[in-house]
Amino acid sequence: MSTTKIAISLDSDLLKIIDEFVKKRLYPNRSKAIQEAIREKVERLNKSRLALECAKLDPEYERAMAEEGIAAEMDEWPEY
């Protein structure tokens, strides 16, 4: 994956925390620490967007739609 340099401004307290992570060798450098933080945030937002979209669904309607075809197919299923 290619990378692109950008310039950002960070709160000095936040930068100190990031520098501590680098000092403790949790990350090789500031850039990697910030990349991972952003990646995790994007993944969380994408998951929450899916949850928000799913919350818009009407469970009774979805169940009815799922069961709509089942009644017709029940006669075709073999007995066990």
N, C-alpha and C. Protein backbone atom coordinates (compact mmCIF):
# COMPACT_ATOMS: atom_id res chain seq x y z
N MET A 1 0.85 -1.17 0.00
CA MET A 1 0.00 0.00 0.00
C MET A 1 0.89 1.24 0.00
N SER A 2 0.58 2.16 -0.84
CA SER A 2 1.38 3.38 -0.89
C SER A 2 0.95 4.33 0.22
N THR A 3 1.86 5.17 0.63
CA THR A 3 1.55 6.14 1.68
C THR A 3 1.77 7.55 1.14
N THR A 4 1.08 8.48 1.76
CA THR A 4 1.18 9.88 1.38
C THR A 4 1.47 10.68 2.64
N LYS A 5 2.40 11.60 2.55
CA LYS A 5 2.71 12.46 3.68
C LYS A 5 1.67 13.55 3.80
N ILE A 6 1.29 13.82 5.05
CA ILE A 6 0.39 14.94 5.34
C ILE A 6 0.93 15.66 6.57
N ALA A 7 0.46 16.85 6.77
CA ALA A 7 0.82 17.60 7.97
C ALA A 7 -0.43 17.72 8.83
N ILE A 8 -0.28 17.44 10.12
CA ILE A 8 -1.42 17.56 11.03
C ILE A 8 -0.99 18.33 12.27
N SER A 9 -1.96 18.86 12.96
CA SER A 9 -1.71 19.54 14.23
C SER A 9 -2.33 18.69 15.33
N LEU A 10 -1.57 18.47 16.38
CA LEU A 10 -2.05 17.68 17.51
C LEU A 10 -1.92 18.46 18.80
N ASP A 11 -2.81 18.19 19.71
CA ASP A 11 -2.72 18.73 21.05
C ASP A 11 -1.40 18.25 21.66
N SER A 12 -0.69 19.13 22.36
CA SER A 12 0.63 18.77 22.90
C SER A 12 0.56 17.61 23.89
N ASP A 13 -0.53 17.53 24.66
CA ASP A 13 -0.67 16.41 25.61
C ASP A 13 -0.83 15.09 24.87
N LEU A 14 -1.59 15.11 23.79
CA LEU A 14 -1.76 13.91 22.98
C LEU A 14 -0.44 13.48 22.35
N LEU A 15 0.32 14.44 21.88
CA LEU A 15 1.62 14.12 21.28
C LEU A 15 2.56 13.52 22.32
N LYS A 16 2.50 13.99 23.55
CA LYS A 16 3.32 13.41 24.62
C LYS A 16 2.96 11.94 24.85
N ILE A 17 1.68 11.64 24.81
CA ILE A 17 1.23 10.25 24.98
C ILE A 17 1.75 9.38 23.84
N ILE A 18 1.65 9.88 22.63
CA ILE A 18 2.15 9.15 21.47
C ILE A 18 3.65 8.93 21.59
N ASP A 19 4.36 9.95 22.00
CA ASP A 19 5.81 9.83 22.17
C ASP A 19 6.16 8.80 23.25
N GLU A 20 5.33 8.71 24.29
CA GLU A 20 5.56 7.69 25.32
C GLU A 20 5.37 6.29 24.73
N PHE A 21 4.37 6.13 23.88
CA PHE A 21 4.17 4.83 23.22
C PHE A 21 5.39 4.44 22.39
N VAL A 22 5.94 5.42 21.69
CA VAL A 22 7.13 5.17 20.87
C VAL A 22 8.32 4.86 21.77
N LYS A 23 8.46 5.61 22.85
CA LYS A 23 9.56 5.39 23.78
C LYS A 23 9.50 3.99 24.39
N LYS A 24 8.27 3.52 24.68
CA LYS A 24 8.07 2.18 25.25
C LYS A 24 8.12 1.09 24.18
N ARG A 25 8.37 1.51 22.95
CA ARG A 25 8.48 0.61 21.80
C ARG A 25 7.16 -0.12 21.47
N LEU A 26 6.05 0.53 21.81
CA LEU A 26 4.75 0.00 21.40
C LEU A 26 4.54 0.25 19.91
N TYR A 27 5.17 1.30 19.41
CA TYR A 27 5.15 1.65 17.99
C TYR A 27 6.56 2.05 17.59
N PRO A 28 6.94 1.79 16.34
CA PRO A 28 8.29 2.15 15.92
C PRO A 28 8.50 3.67 15.78
N ASN A 29 7.40 4.40 15.52
CA ASN A 29 7.52 5.84 15.35
C ASN A 29 6.14 6.49 15.48
N ARG A 30 6.13 7.82 15.51
CA ARG A 30 4.87 8.55 15.63
C ARG A 30 3.91 8.23 14.49
N SER A 31 4.45 8.16 13.30
CA SER A 31 3.63 7.93 12.12
C SER A 31 2.83 6.63 12.22
N LYS A 32 3.51 5.56 12.63
CA LYS A 32 2.82 4.27 12.75
C LYS A 32 1.76 4.30 13.84
N ALA A 33 2.05 4.98 14.94
CA ALA A 33 1.08 5.10 16.03
C ALA A 33 -0.18 5.81 15.56
N ILE A 34 0.01 6.90 14.85
CA ILE A 34 -1.12 7.69 14.36
C ILE A 34 -1.88 6.93 13.28
N GLN A 35 -1.15 6.26 12.39
CA GLN A 35 -1.81 5.45 11.34
C GLN A 35 -2.73 4.41 11.96
N GLU A 36 -2.21 3.69 12.97
CA GLU A 36 -3.00 2.65 13.60
C GLU A 36 -4.23 3.22 14.31
N ALA A 37 -4.06 4.35 14.97
CA ALA A 37 -5.18 4.99 15.65
C ALA A 37 -6.28 5.37 14.66
N ILE A 38 -5.87 5.94 13.55
CA ILE A 38 -6.85 6.34 12.53
C ILE A 38 -7.53 5.12 11.92
N ARG A 39 -6.75 4.08 11.63
CA ARG A 39 -7.31 2.85 11.05
C ARG A 39 -8.35 2.24 11.99
N GLU A 40 -8.03 2.16 13.29
CA GLU A 40 -8.97 1.61 14.26
C GLU A 40 -10.25 2.44 14.33
N LYS A 41 -10.11 3.75 14.30
CA LYS A 41 -11.28 4.63 14.35
C LYS A 41 -12.15 4.45 13.12
N VAL A 42 -11.54 4.36 11.95
CA VAL A 42 -12.30 4.17 10.71
C VAL A 42 -13.05 2.84 10.75
N GLU A 43 -12.39 1.77 11.23
CA GLU A 43 -13.05 0.47 11.33
C GLU A 43 -14.25 0.54 12.29
N ARG A 44 -14.06 1.22 13.43
CA ARG A 44 -15.16 1.36 14.38
C ARG A 44 -16.33 2.14 13.79
N LEU A 45 -16.02 3.20 13.07
CA LEU A 45 -17.08 3.99 12.43
C LEU A 45 -17.82 3.17 11.39
N ASN A 46 -17.10 2.39 10.61
CA ASN A 46 -17.75 1.55 9.61
C ASN A 46 -18.67 0.53 10.25
N LYS A 47 -18.24 -0.05 11.36
CA LYS A 47 -19.09 -1.03 12.06
C LYS A 47 -20.31 -0.35 12.65
N SER A 48 -20.13 0.84 13.21
CA SER A 48 -21.27 1.53 13.81
C SER A 48 -22.24 1.99 12.73
N ARG A 49 -21.74 2.32 11.55
CA ARG A 49 -22.64 2.69 10.45
C ARG A 49 -23.51 1.51 10.07
N LEU A 50 -22.93 0.31 10.03
CA LEU A 50 -23.71 -0.89 9.72
C LEU A 50 -24.77 -1.11 10.79
N ALA A 51 -24.40 -0.94 12.05
CA ALA A 51 -25.35 -1.11 13.14
C ALA A 51 -26.49 -0.09 13.03
N LEU A 52 -26.16 1.15 12.68
CA LEU A 52 -27.19 2.18 12.52
C LEU A 52 -28.15 1.82 11.39
N GLU A 53 -27.62 1.33 10.28
CA GLU A 53 -28.47 0.93 9.16
C GLU A 53 -29.35 -0.26 9.53
N CYS A 54 -28.78 -1.21 10.26
CA CYS A 54 -29.56 -2.38 10.69
C CYS A 54 -30.67 -1.98 11.66
N ALA A 55 -30.40 -0.97 12.49
CA ALA A 55 -31.40 -0.50 13.45
C ALA A 55 -32.61 0.11 12.75
N LYS A 56 -32.44 0.54 11.51
CA LYS A 56 -33.55 1.13 10.76
C LYS A 56 -34.53 0.06 10.27
N LEU A 57 -34.10 -1.19 10.27
CA LEU A 57 -34.95 -2.27 9.75
C LEU A 57 -36.07 -2.57 10.73
N ASP A 58 -37.21 -2.95 10.20
CA ASP A 58 -38.36 -3.36 11.00
C ASP A 58 -38.29 -4.88 11.16
N PRO A 59 -38.01 -5.39 12.37
CA PRO A 59 -37.85 -6.84 12.54
C PRO A 59 -39.06 -7.66 12.09
N GLU A 60 -40.27 -7.17 12.35
CA GLU A 60 -41.47 -7.92 11.95
C GLU A 60 -41.58 -7.99 10.43
N TYR A 61 -41.30 -6.89 9.75
CA TYR A 61 -41.34 -6.88 8.29
C TYR A 61 -40.27 -7.80 7.72
N GLU A 62 -39.07 -7.74 8.26
CA GLU A 62 -37.98 -8.58 7.77
C GLU A 62 -38.29 -10.06 7.98
N ARG A 63 -38.87 -10.40 9.14
CA ARG A 63 -39.25 -11.79 9.41
C ARG A 63 -40.33 -12.24 8.42
N ALA A 64 -41.31 -11.39 8.18
CA ALA A 64 -42.37 -11.73 7.23
C ALA A 64 -41.81 -11.94 5.84
N MET A 65 -40.87 -11.09 5.44
CA MET A 65 -40.25 -11.25 4.12
C MET A 65 -39.46 -12.55 4.04
N ALA A 66 -38.77 -12.90 5.11
CA ALA A 66 -37.98 -14.13 5.11
C ALA A 66 -38.87 -15.35 5.09
N GLU A 67 -40.01 -15.28 5.77
CA GLU A 67 -40.90 -16.43 5.86
C GLU A 67 -41.86 -16.53 4.68
N GLU A 68 -41.94 -15.48 3.90
CA GLU A 68 -42.88 -15.45 2.78
C GLU A 68 -42.68 -16.63 1.84
N GLY A 69 -41.46 -16.90 1.47
CA GLY A 69 -41.19 -17.98 0.55
C GLY A 69 -41.14 -19.34 1.22
N ILE A 70 -40.98 -19.37 2.53
CA ILE A 70 -40.85 -20.65 3.22
C ILE A 70 -42.15 -21.44 3.18
N ALA A 71 -43.29 -20.78 3.35
CA ALA A 71 -44.57 -21.48 3.37
C ALA A 71 -44.79 -22.24 2.06
N ALA A 72 -44.48 -21.62 0.95
CA ALA A 72 -44.66 -22.28 -0.34
C ALA A 72 -43.67 -23.42 -0.52
N GLU A 73 -42.51 -23.30 0.04
CA GLU A 73 -41.48 -24.31 -0.12
C GLU A 73 -41.66 -25.49 0.84
N MET A 74 -42.43 -25.33 1.91
CA MET A 74 -42.58 -26.39 2.91
C MET A 74 -43.10 -27.68 2.29
N ASP A 75 -44.01 -27.58 1.32
CA ASP A 75 -44.56 -28.77 0.67
C ASP A 75 -43.50 -29.52 -0.13
N GLU A 76 -42.48 -28.80 -0.55
CA GLU A 76 -41.45 -29.40 -1.38
C GLU A 76 -40.35 -30.07 -0.57
N TRP A 77 -40.27 -29.81 0.73
CA TRP A 77 -39.21 -30.36 1.56
C TRP A 77 -39.51 -31.83 1.88
N PRO A 78 -38.50 -32.67 1.87
CA PRO A 78 -38.73 -34.09 2.20
C PRO A 78 -39.01 -34.26 3.69
N GLU A 79 -39.80 -35.26 4.04
CA GLU A 79 -40.08 -35.55 5.45
C GLU A 79 -38.96 -36.38 6.02
N TYR A 80 -38.61 -36.13 7.25
CA TYR A 80 -37.56 -36.91 7.93
C TYR A 80 -38.13 -37.62 9.11
